[in-house]
PDB file of N, CA and C in Angstrom:
ATOM      1  N   MET A   1      58.264   5.924 -19.700  1.00  0.00           N
ATOM      2  CA  MET A   1      57.821   6.632 -19.086  1.00  0.00           C
ATOM      3  C   MET A   1      56.343   5.777 -18.317  1.00  0.00           C
ATOM      4  N   VAL A   2      56.692   5.487 -16.550  1.00  0.00           N
ATOM      5  CA  VAL A   2      55.732   5.049 -15.893  1.00  0.00           C
ATOM      6  C   VAL A   2      54.963   5.899 -15.071  1.00  0.00           C
ATOM      7  N   LYS A   3      54.036   6.340 -15.209  1.00  0.00           N
ATOM      8  CA  LYS A   3      53.096   6.809 -14.269  1.00  0.00           C
ATOM      9  C   LYS A   3      52.967   6.162 -12.905  1.00  0.00           C
ATOM     10  N   PRO A   4      53.072   7.185 -11.986  1.00  0.00           N
ATOM     11  CA  PRO A   4      52.804   6.748 -10.440  1.00  0.00           C
ATOM     12  C   PRO A   4      51.190   6.082 -10.181  1.00  0.00           C
ATOM     13  N   ALA A   5      51.140   5.519  -9.168  1.00  0.00           N
ATOM     14  CA  ALA A   5      49.640   4.722  -9.152  1.00  0.00           C
ATOM     15  C   ALA A   5      48.683   5.912  -8.724  1.00  0.00           C
ATOM     16  N   ALA A   6      49.192   6.897  -8.277  1.00  0.00           N
ATOM     17  CA  ALA A   6      48.104   7.770  -7.970  1.00  0.00           C
ATOM     18  C   ALA A   6      47.842   8.891  -8.929  1.00  0.00           C
ATOM     19  N   GLU A   7      48.241   8.762 -10.037  1.00  0.00           N
ATOM     20  CA  GLU A   7      47.812   9.308 -11.204  1.00  0.00           C
ATOM     21  C   GLU A   7      47.219   8.665 -12.205  1.00  0.00           C
ATOM     22  N   THR A   8      47.019   7.302 -12.142  1.00  0.00           N
ATOM     23  CA  THR A   8      46.192   6.953 -13.216  1.00  0.00           C
ATOM     24  C   THR A   8      44.499   6.766 -12.846  1.00  0.00           C
ATOM     25  N   LYS A   9      44.014   6.917 -13.767  1.00  0.00           N
ATOM     26  CA  LYS A   9      42.705   7.081 -13.611  1.00  0.00           C
ATOM     27  C   LYS A   9      42.033   6.061 -13.569  1.00  0.00           C
ATOM     28  N   SER A  10      41.277   5.628 -12.517  1.00  0.00           N
ATOM     29  CA  SER A  10      40.292   4.794 -12.167  1.00  0.00           C
ATOM     30  C   SER A  10      38.666   5.089 -12.850  1.00  0.00           C
ATOM     31  N   ALA A  11      38.643   3.470 -13.139  1.00  0.00           N
ATOM     32  CA  ALA A  11      36.953   3.777 -13.793  1.00  0.00           C
ATOM     33  C   ALA A  11      35.853   3.843 -12.689  1.00  0.00           C
ATOM     34  N   PRO A  12      34.916   4.540 -13.192  1.00  0.00           N
ATOM     35  CA  PRO A  12      34.252   5.117 -12.020  1.00  0.00           C
ATOM     36  C   PRO A  12      33.265   3.994 -11.903  1.00  0.00           C
ATOM     37  N   THR A  13      32.910   3.634 -10.477  1.00  0.00           N
ATOM     38  CA  THR A  13      32.424   2.540  -9.987  1.00  0.00           C
ATOM     39  C   THR A  13      30.519   2.735 -10.348  1.00  0.00           C
ATOM     40  N   ALA A  14      29.831   1.812 -10.715  1.00  0.00           N
ATOM     41  CA  ALA A  14      28.560   1.679 -11.244  1.00  0.00           C
ATOM     42  C   ALA A  14      27.796   1.854 -10.056  1.00  0.00           C
ATOM     43  N   PRO A  15      26.487   2.651  -9.775  1.00  0.00           N
ATOM     44  CA  PRO A  15      25.785   2.197  -8.854  1.00  0.00           C
ATOM     45  C   PRO A  15      25.354   0.460  -8.696  1.00  0.00           C
ATOM     46  N   ASN A  16      25.141   0.701  -7.491  1.00  0.00           N
ATOM     47  CA  ASN A  16      24.664  -0.578  -6.524  1.00  0.00           C
ATOM     48  C   ASN A  16      23.538  -0.802  -7.246  1.00  0.00           C
ATOM     49  N   ALA A  17      23.062  -1.720  -8.083  1.00  0.00           N
ATOM     50  CA  ALA A  17      21.777  -1.981  -8.763  1.00  0.00           C
ATOM     51  C   ALA A  17      20.634  -2.180  -7.637  1.00  0.00           C
ATOM     52  N   THR A  18      20.873  -3.044  -6.255  1.00  0.00           N
ATOM     53  CA  THR A  18      19.740  -2.957  -5.419  1.00  0.00           C
ATOM     54  C   THR A  18      19.602  -1.791  -4.872  1.00  0.00           C
ATOM     55  N   ALA A  19      20.715  -0.762  -4.665  1.00  0.00           N
ATOM     56  CA  ALA A  19      20.487   0.415  -4.341  1.00  0.00           C
ATOM     57  C   ALA A  19      19.060   1.522  -5.293  1.00  0.00           C
ATOM     58  N   LYS A  20      19.011   0.916  -6.532  1.00  0.00           N
ATOM     59  CA  LYS A  20      18.203   1.404  -7.312  1.00  0.00           C
ATOM     60  C   LYS A  20      16.780   0.865  -6.972  1.00  0.00           C
ATOM     61  N   ALA A  21      16.888  -0.351  -6.925  1.00  0.00           N
ATOM     62  CA  ALA A  21      15.472  -1.040  -6.528  1.00  0.00           C
ATOM     63  C   ALA A  21      14.732  -0.489  -5.131  1.00  0.00           C
ATOM     64  N   ALA A  22      16.078  -0.601  -4.452  1.00  0.00           N
ATOM     65  CA  ALA A  22      14.926  -0.028  -3.290  1.00  0.00           C
ATOM     66  C   ALA A  22      14.589   1.746  -2.809  1.00  0.00           C
ATOM     67  N   THR A  23      15.169   2.202  -4.131  1.00  0.00           N
ATOM     68  CA  THR A  23      14.810   3.261  -4.474  1.00  0.00           C
ATOM     69  C   THR A  23      13.135   3.647  -4.769  1.00  0.00           C
ATOM     70  N   LYS A  24      13.232   2.589  -5.729  1.00  0.00           N
ATOM     71  CA  LYS A  24      12.134   2.351  -6.391  1.00  0.00           C
ATOM     72  C   LYS A  24      10.965   2.230  -5.398  1.00  0.00           C
ATOM     73  N   SER A  25      10.063   2.797  -4.990  1.00  0.00           N
ATOM     74  CA  SER A  25       8.951   2.756  -4.333  1.00  0.00           C
ATOM     75  C   SER A  25       7.606   2.123  -5.216  1.00  0.00           C
ATOM     76  N   SER A  26       6.602   1.771  -4.074  1.00  0.00           N
ATOM     77  CA  SER A  26       5.069   1.530  -4.782  1.00  0.00           C
ATOM     78  C   SER A  26       4.560   2.638  -4.499  1.00  0.00           C
ATOM     79  N   PRO A  27       3.361   3.051  -5.695  1.00  0.00           N
ATOM     80  CA  PRO A  27       2.754   4.237  -5.228  1.00  0.00           C
ATOM     81  C   PRO A  27       1.573   4.062  -4.208  1.00  0.00           C
ATOM     82  N   SER A  28       1.655   5.340  -3.245  1.00  0.00           N
ATOM     83  CA  SER A  28       1.180   5.467  -2.046  1.00  0.00           C
ATOM     84  C   SER A  28      -0.181   5.060  -2.203  1.00  0.00           C
ATOM     85  N   ARG A  29      -1.160   5.415  -3.059  1.00  0.00           N
ATOM     86  CA  ARG A  29      -2.396   5.374  -3.021  1.00  0.00           C
ATOM     87  C   ARG A  29      -2.676   3.616  -3.199  1.00  0.00           C
ATOM     88  N   ALA A  30      -2.062   3.051  -3.679  1.00  0.00           N
ATOM     89  CA  ALA A  30      -2.188   1.898  -4.003  1.00  0.00           C
ATOM     90  C   ALA A  30      -2.432   1.101  -2.435  1.00  0.00           C
ATOM     91  N   ALA A  31      -3.155   0.028  -2.342  1.00  0.00           N
ATOM     92  CA  ALA A  31      -3.575  -0.706  -1.355  1.00  0.00           C
ATOM     93  C   ALA A  31      -3.244  -2.049  -1.901  1.00  0.00           C
ATOM     94  N   ALA A  32      -3.591  -3.056  -0.221  1.00  0.00           N
ATOM     95  CA  ALA A  32      -3.150  -4.441  -0.965  1.00  0.00           C
ATOM     96  C   ALA A  32      -4.028  -5.144  -1.324  1.00  0.00           C
ATOM     97  N   ALA A  33      -5.208  -4.955  -0.983  1.00  0.00           N
ATOM     98  CA  ALA A  33      -6.339  -5.870  -1.599  1.00  0.00           C
ATOM     99  C   ALA A  33      -7.198  -4.758  -2.380  1.00  0.00           C
ATOM    100  N   PRO A  34      -7.552  -5.212  -3.960  1.00  0.00           N
ATOM    101  CA  PRO A  34      -8.419  -4.445  -4.245  1.00  0.00           C
ATOM    102  C   PRO A  34     -10.054  -4.621  -3.453  1.00  0.00           C
ATOM    103  N   ALA A  35     -10.500  -3.205  -3.348  1.00  0.00           N
ATOM    104  CA  ALA A  35     -12.177  -3.043  -2.936  1.00  0.00           C
ATOM    105  C   ALA A  35     -12.754  -3.554  -3.825  1.00  0.00           C
ATOM    106  N   THR A  36     -14.482  -3.413  -3.488  1.00  0.00           N
ATOM    107  CA  THR A  36     -15.271  -3.954  -4.435  1.00  0.00           C
ATOM    108  C   THR A  36     -16.371  -2.725  -4.520  1.00  0.00           C
ATOM    109  N   ALA A  37     -17.102  -2.849  -5.547  1.00  0.00           N
ATOM    110  CA  ALA A  37     -18.040  -1.978  -5.204  1.00  0.00           C
ATOM    111  C   ALA A  37     -19.477  -2.808  -5.425  1.00  0.00           C
ATOM    112  N   GLY A  38     -20.824  -2.513  -4.522  1.00  0.00           N
ATOM    113  CA  GLY A  38     -21.621  -3.422  -4.503  1.00  0.00           C
ATOM    114  C   GLY A  38     -21.291  -4.986  -4.481  1.00  0.00           C
ATOM    115  N   GLY A  39     -20.238  -5.362  -3.451  1.00  0.00           N
ATOM    116  CA  GLY A  39     -20.061  -6.648  -3.137  1.00  0.00           C
ATOM    117  C   GLY A  39     -19.371  -7.402  -4.154  1.00  0.00           C
ATOM    118  N   GLN A  40     -19.184  -6.733  -5.493  1.00  0.00           N
ATOM    119  CA  GLN A  40     -18.207  -7.520  -6.384  1.00  0.00           C
ATOM    120  C   GLN A  40     -16.783  -6.678  -6.257  1.00  0.00           C
ATOM    121  N   PRO A  41     -15.733  -7.574  -7.225  1.00  0.00           N
ATOM    122  CA  PRO A  41     -14.766  -6.754  -7.449  1.00  0.00           C
ATOM    123  C   PRO A  41     -15.197  -5.925  -8.947  1.00  0.00           C
ATOM    124  N   VAL A  42     -14.434  -4.680  -8.903  1.00  0.00           N
ATOM    125  CA  VAL A  42     -14.429  -3.788 -10.235  1.00  0.00           C
ATOM    126  C   VAL A  42     -13.231  -4.040 -11.231  1.00  0.00           C
ATOM    127  N   GLU A  43     -13.248  -4.666 -12.326  1.00  0.00           N
ATOM    128  CA  GLU A  43     -12.095  -4.614 -13.332  1.00  0.00           C
ATOM    129  C   GLU A  43     -12.489  -3.204 -13.861  1.00  0.00           C
ATOM    130  N   ALA A  44     -10.876  -3.029 -14.325  1.00  0.00           N
ATOM    131  CA  ALA A  44     -10.989  -1.732 -15.357  1.00  0.00           C
ATOM    132  C   ALA A  44      -9.661  -2.003 -16.298  1.00  0.00           C
ATOM    133  N   TYR A  45      -9.984  -1.224 -17.406  1.00  0.00           N
ATOM    134  CA  TYR A  45      -8.403  -1.503 -17.894  1.00  0.00           C
ATOM    135  C   TYR A  45      -7.130  -0.086 -17.826  1.00  0.00           C
ATOM    136  N   CYS A  46      -6.150  -0.828 -17.421  1.00  0.00           N
ATOM    137  CA  CYS A  46      -5.515   0.268 -17.207  1.00  0.00           C
ATOM    138  C   CYS A  46      -4.065   0.077 -18.217  1.00  0.00           C
ATOM    139  N   LEU A  47      -4.402   1.884 -18.873  1.00  0.00           N
ATOM    140  CA  LEU A  47      -3.623   2.034 -19.931  1.00  0.00           C
ATOM    141  C   LEU A  47      -2.179   2.129 -19.847  1.00  0.00           C
ATOM    142  N   ARG A  48      -1.551   2.228 -19.163  1.00  0.00           N
ATOM    143  CA  ARG A  48      -0.047   2.081 -18.585  1.00  0.00           C
ATOM    144  C   ARG A  48       0.217   0.889 -19.048  1.00  0.00           C
ATOM    145  N   GLU A  49      -0.335  -0.153 -17.842  1.00  0.00           N
ATOM    146  CA  GLU A  49       0.190  -1.776 -18.325  1.00  0.00           C
ATOM    147  C   GLU A  49      -0.570  -2.129 -19.366  1.00  0.00           C
ATOM    148  N   LYS A  50      -1.425  -1.801 -20.308  1.00  0.00           N
ATOM    149  CA  LYS A  50      -1.932  -2.263 -20.776  1.00  0.00           C
ATOM    150  C   LYS A  50      -2.910  -3.810 -20.813  1.00  0.00           C
ATOM    151  N   LYS A  51      -3.273  -3.730 -19.618  1.00  0.00           N
ATOM    152  CA  LYS A  51      -3.925  -5.296 -19.202  1.00  0.00           C
ATOM    153  C   LYS A  51      -5.166  -4.530 -18.313  1.00  0.00           C
ATOM    154  N   ARG A  52      -6.085  -5.934 -17.932  1.00  0.00           N
ATOM    155  CA  ARG A  52      -6.989  -5.313 -17.024  1.00  0.00           C
ATOM    156  C   ARG A  52      -6.605  -5.729 -15.501  1.00  0.00           C
ATOM    157  N   VAL A  53      -7.078  -4.540 -14.923  1.00  0.00           N
ATOM    158  CA  VAL A  53      -6.864  -4.889 -13.380  1.00  0.00           C
ATOM    159  C   VAL A  53      -7.955  -4.532 -12.569  1.00  0.00           C
ATOM    160  N   GLN A  54      -8.051  -5.219 -11.127  1.00  0.00           N
ATOM    161  CA  GLN A  54      -8.757  -4.902 -10.253  1.00  0.00           C
ATOM    162  C   GLN A  54      -8.770  -3.422  -9.885  1.00  0.00           C
ATOM    163  N   MET A  55      -9.728  -2.733  -9.617  1.00  0.00           N
ATOM    164  CA  MET A  55      -9.480  -1.022  -9.374  1.00  0.00           C
ATOM    165  C   MET A  55      -9.628  -1.315  -7.996  1.00  0.00           C
ATOM    166  N   VAL A  56      -8.904  -0.517  -7.471  1.00  0.00           N
ATOM    167  CA  VAL A  56      -8.422  -0.040  -6.168  1.00  0.00           C
ATOM    168  C   VAL A  56      -9.334   1.237  -5.603  1.00  0.00           C
ATOM    169  N   ASP A  57     -10.178   0.702  -4.435  1.00  0.00           N
ATOM    170  CA  ASP A  57     -11.234   1.906  -3.862  1.00  0.00           C
ATOM    171  C   ASP A  57     -11.999   3.091  -5.006  1.00  0.00           C
ATOM    172  N   PRO A  58     -12.575   1.764  -5.585  1.00  0.00           N
ATOM    173  CA  PRO A  58     -13.689   2.741  -6.874  1.00  0.00           C
ATOM    174  C   PRO A  58     -14.911   3.628  -5.735  1.00  0.00           C
ATOM    175  N   LYS A  59     -14.698   4.534  -6.640  1.00  0.00           N
ATOM    176  CA  LYS A  59     -15.922   5.593  -5.927  1.00  0.00           C
ATOM    177  C   LYS A  59     -16.814   5.908  -7.273  1.00  0.00           C
ATOM    178  N   PRO A  60     -18.597   6.019  -7.177  1.00  0.00           N
ATOM    179  CA  PRO A  60     -19.107   6.676  -7.799  1.00  0.00           C
ATOM    180  C   PRO A  60     -18.500   7.850  -8.353  1.00  0.00           C
ATOM    181  N   VAL A  61     -18.757   8.100  -9.688  1.00  0.00           N
ATOM    182  CA  VAL A  61     -19.013   8.959 -10.188  1.00  0.00           C
ATOM    183  C   VAL A  61     -19.757   9.731 -11.125  1.00  0.00           C
ATOM    184  N   VAL A  62     -19.961  11.168 -11.326  1.00  0.00           N
ATOM    185  CA  VAL A  62     -20.877  11.281 -12.695  1.00  0.00           C
ATOM    186  C   VAL A  62     -20.414  12.171 -13.328  1.00  0.00           C
ATOM    187  N   THR A  63     -20.395  11.923 -14.856  1.00  0.00           N
ATOM    188  CA  THR A  63     -19.643  12.266 -16.140  1.00  0.00           C
ATOM    189  C   THR A  63     -19.839  13.657 -16.076  1.00  0.00           C
ATOM    190  N   ALA A  64     -19.636  14.444 -17.016  1.00  0.00           N
ATOM    191  CA  ALA A  64     -20.158  15.674 -17.657  1.00  0.00           C
ATOM    192  C   ALA A  64     -21.793  15.954 -18.163  1.00  0.00           C
ATOM    193  N   ASN A  65     -21.386  14.562 -19.346  1.00  0.00           N
ATOM    194  CA  ASN A  65     -22.850  15.011 -19.771  1.00  0.00           C
ATOM    195  C   ASN A  65     -24.333  13.932 -19.337  1.00  0.00           C
ATOM    196  N   GLY A  66     -23.882  13.580 -17.357  1.00  0.00           N
ATOM    197  CA  GLY A  66     -25.042  13.253 -16.888  1.00  0.00           C
ATOM    198  C   GLY A  66     -24.648  11.670 -16.334  1.00  0.00           C
ATOM    199  N   GLY A  67     -23.410  10.927 -17.117  1.00  0.00           N
ATOM    200  CA  GLY A  67     -23.632   9.192 -17.498  1.00  0.00           C
ATOM    201  C   GLY A  67     -22.922   9.387 -15.802  1.00  0.00           C
ATOM    202  N   SER A  68     -22.884   7.362 -15.707  1.00  0.00           N
ATOM    203  CA  SER A  68     -22.530   6.897 -14.157  1.00  0.00           C
ATOM    204  C   SER A  68     -21.088   6.250 -14.585  1.00  0.00           C
ATOM    205  N   ALA A  69     -20.158   6.774 -13.924  1.00  0.00           N
ATOM    206  CA  ALA A  69     -18.970   5.584 -13.583  1.00  0.00           C
ATOM    207  C   ALA A  69     -18.490   5.516 -12.259  1.00  0.00           C
ATOM    208  N   LEU A  70     -16.911   4.459 -12.718  1.00  0.00           N
ATOM    209  CA  LEU A  70     -16.660   4.524 -11.335  1.00  0.00           C
ATOM    210  C   LEU A  70     -14.950   4.765 -11.389  1.00  0.00           C
ATOM    211  N   SER A  71     -14.517   5.362 -10.506  1.00  0.00           N
ATOM    212  CA  SER A  71     -13.335   6.092 -10.429  1.00  0.00           C
ATOM    213  C   SER A  71     -12.157   5.303  -9.737  1.00  0.00           C
ATOM    214  N   GLY A  72     -11.561   4.830 -10.161  1.00  0.00           N
ATOM    215  CA  GLY A  72     -10.378   4.097  -8.828  1.00  0.00           C
ATOM    216  C   GLY A  72      -9.400   4.525  -9.314  1.00  0.00           C
ATOM    217  N   THR A  73      -8.010   3.205  -8.570  1.00  0.00           N
ATOM    218  CA  THR A  73      -6.778   3.360  -9.015  1.00  0.00           C
ATOM    219  C   THR A  73      -6.070   1.804  -9.731  1.00  0.00           C
ATOM    220  N   CYS A  74      -4.873   1.871 -10.273  1.00  0.00           N
ATOM    221  CA  CYS A  74      -4.215   0.684 -10.380  1.00  0.00           C
ATOM    222  C   CYS A  74      -3.746   0.404  -9.233  1.00  0.00           C
ATOM    223  N   PRO A  75      -3.771  -1.138  -8.392  1.00  0.00           N
ATOM    224  CA  PRO A  75      -2.943  -1.682  -7.444  1.00  0.00           C
ATOM    225  C   PRO A  75      -1.660  -1.662  -7.987  1.00  0.00           C
ATOM    226  N   SER A  76      -1.263  -1.816  -9.037  1.00  0.00           N
ATOM    227  CA  SER A  76       0.613  -1.804  -8.995  1.00  0.00           C
ATOM    228  C   SER A  76       1.082  -0.793  -9.423  1.00  0.00           C
ATOM    229  N   CYS A  77       0.738   0.427 -10.518  1.00  0.00           N
ATOM    230  CA  CYS A  77       1.357   1.213 -11.044  1.00  0.00           C
ATOM    231  C   CYS A  77       0.395   2.421 -10.286  1.00  0.00           C
ATOM    232  N   GLY A  78      -0.602   2.787  -9.881  1.00  0.00           N
ATOM    233  CA  GLY A  78      -0.826   3.829  -9.448  1.00  0.00           C
ATOM    234  C   GLY A  78      -1.615   4.866 -10.268  1.00  0.00           C
ATOM    235  N   ALA A  79      -2.213   4.002 -11.265  1.00  0.00           N
ATOM    236  CA  ALA A  79      -2.724   5.199 -12.528  1.00  0.00           C
ATOM    237  C   ALA A  79      -4.151   5.008 -12.053  1.00  0.00           C
ATOM    238  N   ALA A  80      -4.724   6.466 -12.692  1.00  0.00           N
ATOM    239  CA  ALA A  80      -6.000   6.510 -12.242  1.00  0.00           C
ATOM    240  C   ALA A  80      -7.125   5.806 -13.320  1.00  0.00           C
ATOM    241  N   LEU A  81      -7.701   5.043 -12.993  1.00  0.00           N
ATOM    242  CA  LEU A  81      -8.896   4.203 -13.804  1.00  0.00           C
ATOM    243  C   LEU A  81     -10.140   4.411 -13.740  1.00  0.00           C
ATOM    244  N   TYR A  82     -10.658   4.664 -14.897  1.00  0.00           N
ATOM    245  CA  TYR A  82     -11.865   4.964 -14.880  1.00  0.00           C
ATOM    246  C   TYR A  82     -13.200   3.818 -15.912  1.00  0.00           C
ATOM    247  N   LYS A  83     -14.072   3.907 -15.425  1.00  0.00           N
ATOM    248  CA  LYS A  83     -15.026   2.564 -15.882  1.00  0.00           C
ATOM    249  C   LYS A  83     -16.708   3.213 -15.919  1.00  0.00           C
ATOM    250  N   LEU A  84     -16.929   3.247 -17.186  1.00  0.00           N
ATOM    251  CA  LEU A  84     -18.416   3.688 -17.235  1.00  0.00           C
ATOM    252  C   LEU A  84     -19.767   2.395 -17.093  1.00  0.00           C
ATOM    253  N   VAL A  85     -20.415   3.135 -16.502  1.00  0.00           N
ATOM    254  CA  VAL A  85     -21.049   1.677 -15.756  1.00  0.00           C
ATOM    255  C   VAL A  85     -22.750   2.220 -15.898  1.00  0.00           C
ATOM    256  N   SER A  86     -23.394   1.658 -15.520  1.00  0.00           N
ATOM    257  CA  SER A  86     -25.018   1.616 -15.935  1.00  0.00           C
ATOM    258  C   SER A  86     -25.367   2.476 -14.309  1.00  0.00           C
ATOM    259  N   ARG A  87     -26.841   3.276 -14.602  1.00  0.00           N
ATOM    260  CA  ARG A  87     -26.809   3.955 -13.408  1.00  0.00           C
ATOM    261  C   ARG A  87     -27.194   3.101 -12.180  1.00  0.00           C
ATOM    262  N   THR A  88     -27.443   2.214 -12.183  1.00  0.00           N
ATOM    263  CA  THR A  88     -28.334   1.135 -11.421  1.00  0.00           C
ATOM    264  C   THR A  88     -26.843   0.191 -10.812  1.00  0.00           C
ATOM    265  N   ALA A  89     -25.719   0.469 -11.934  1.00  0.00           N
ATOM    266  CA  ALA A  89     -24.620  -0.532 -11.014  1.00  0.00           C
ATOM    267  C   ALA A  89     -24.005   0.513  -9.701  1.00  0.00           C
ATOM    268  N   ARG A  90     -24.029   1.788 -10.048  1.00  0.00           N
ATOM    269  CA  ARG A  90     -23.720   2.655  -9.161  1.00  0.00           C
ATOM    270  C   ARG A  90     -24.120   2.301  -7.656  1.00  0.00           C
TER     271      ARG A  90
END
């Protein structure tokens, strides 16, 4: 018994790999060039990427216990970065 061509099951087509890459976008907060604080680039450790990166848009913040820190974002993944600094470095 031969099945007609209309009744045969066809394998589902796999999604286009380039379509997936096109939908994956970079974080909206990431900038092209890292900003500097005090004229020097600020490096912090990114916990998502497990490496040191230059912080984008560093801003001075005061911690809950009165200490000083810099807050910014990772240029590649957009994760929040914090770096504890002395009061004079703010």
